Amino acid sequence: GEELQRWDEKIAFMNDAWIEKANAAGLDGAALLEDLKATVAKYAN
């Protein structure tokens, strides 16, 4: 909801750094982050 979107905006810069680290480790950081967001959204409601 609205609260989740506000948090998403606040931590967007951390997401970018995390994606870069995951990519450097040979992982698909963007896909992992989207999966995490989907899981959080599923249980947030």
Protein backbone atom coordinates (compact mmCIF):
# COMPACT_ATOMS: atom_id res chain seq x y z
CA GLY A 1 0.00 0.00 0.00
CA GLU A 2 0.91 3.60 0.49
CA GLU A 3 3.20 2.90 3.47
CA LEU A 4 5.15 0.28 1.50
CA GLN A 5 5.62 2.73 -1.37
CA ARG A 6 6.93 5.42 1.00
CA TRP A 7 9.51 3.01 2.39
CA ASP A 8 10.43 1.86 -1.11
CA GLU A 9 11.20 5.46 -2.08
CA LYS A 10 13.26 6.05 1.07
CA ILE A 11 15.47 2.99 0.57
CA ALA A 12 15.82 3.12 -3.22
CA PHE A 13 19.46 4.24 -2.98
CA MET A 14 20.26 1.22 -0.80
CA ASN A 15 18.55 -1.05 -3.31
CA ASP A 16 20.82 0.22 -6.09
CA ALA A 17 23.95 -0.45 -4.02
CA TRP A 18 22.68 -3.91 -3.06
CA ILE A 19 21.93 -4.77 -6.70
CA GLU A 20 25.47 -3.75 -7.67
CA LYS A 21 26.97 -5.95 -4.93
CA ALA A 22 24.79 -8.91 -5.89
CA ASN A 23 25.67 -8.48 -9.57
CA ALA A 24 29.37 -8.33 -8.67
CA ALA A 25 28.92 -11.66 -6.85
CA GLY A 26 27.53 -13.17 -10.06
CA LEU A 27 23.88 -12.98 -9.03
CA ASP A 28 20.94 -11.24 -10.69
CA GLY A 29 20.51 -8.52 -8.09
CA ALA A 30 17.50 -6.89 -9.73
CA ALA A 31 15.59 -10.17 -9.96
CA LEU A 32 16.42 -11.06 -6.36
CA LEU A 33 15.25 -7.66 -5.16
CA GLU A 34 11.97 -7.92 -7.09
CA ASP A 35 11.39 -11.36 -5.58
CA LEU A 36 12.02 -9.95 -2.11
CA LYS A 37 9.62 -7.05 -2.73
CA ALA A 38 6.94 -9.48 -3.92
CA THR A 39 7.39 -11.60 -0.80
CA VAL A 40 7.21 -8.56 1.50
CA ALA A 41 4.09 -7.29 -0.28
CA LYS A 42 2.47 -10.72 0.00
CA TYR A 43 2.84 -10.81 3.76
CA ALA A 44 2.38 -7.08 4.43
CA ASN A 45 -1.36 -7.21 3.89
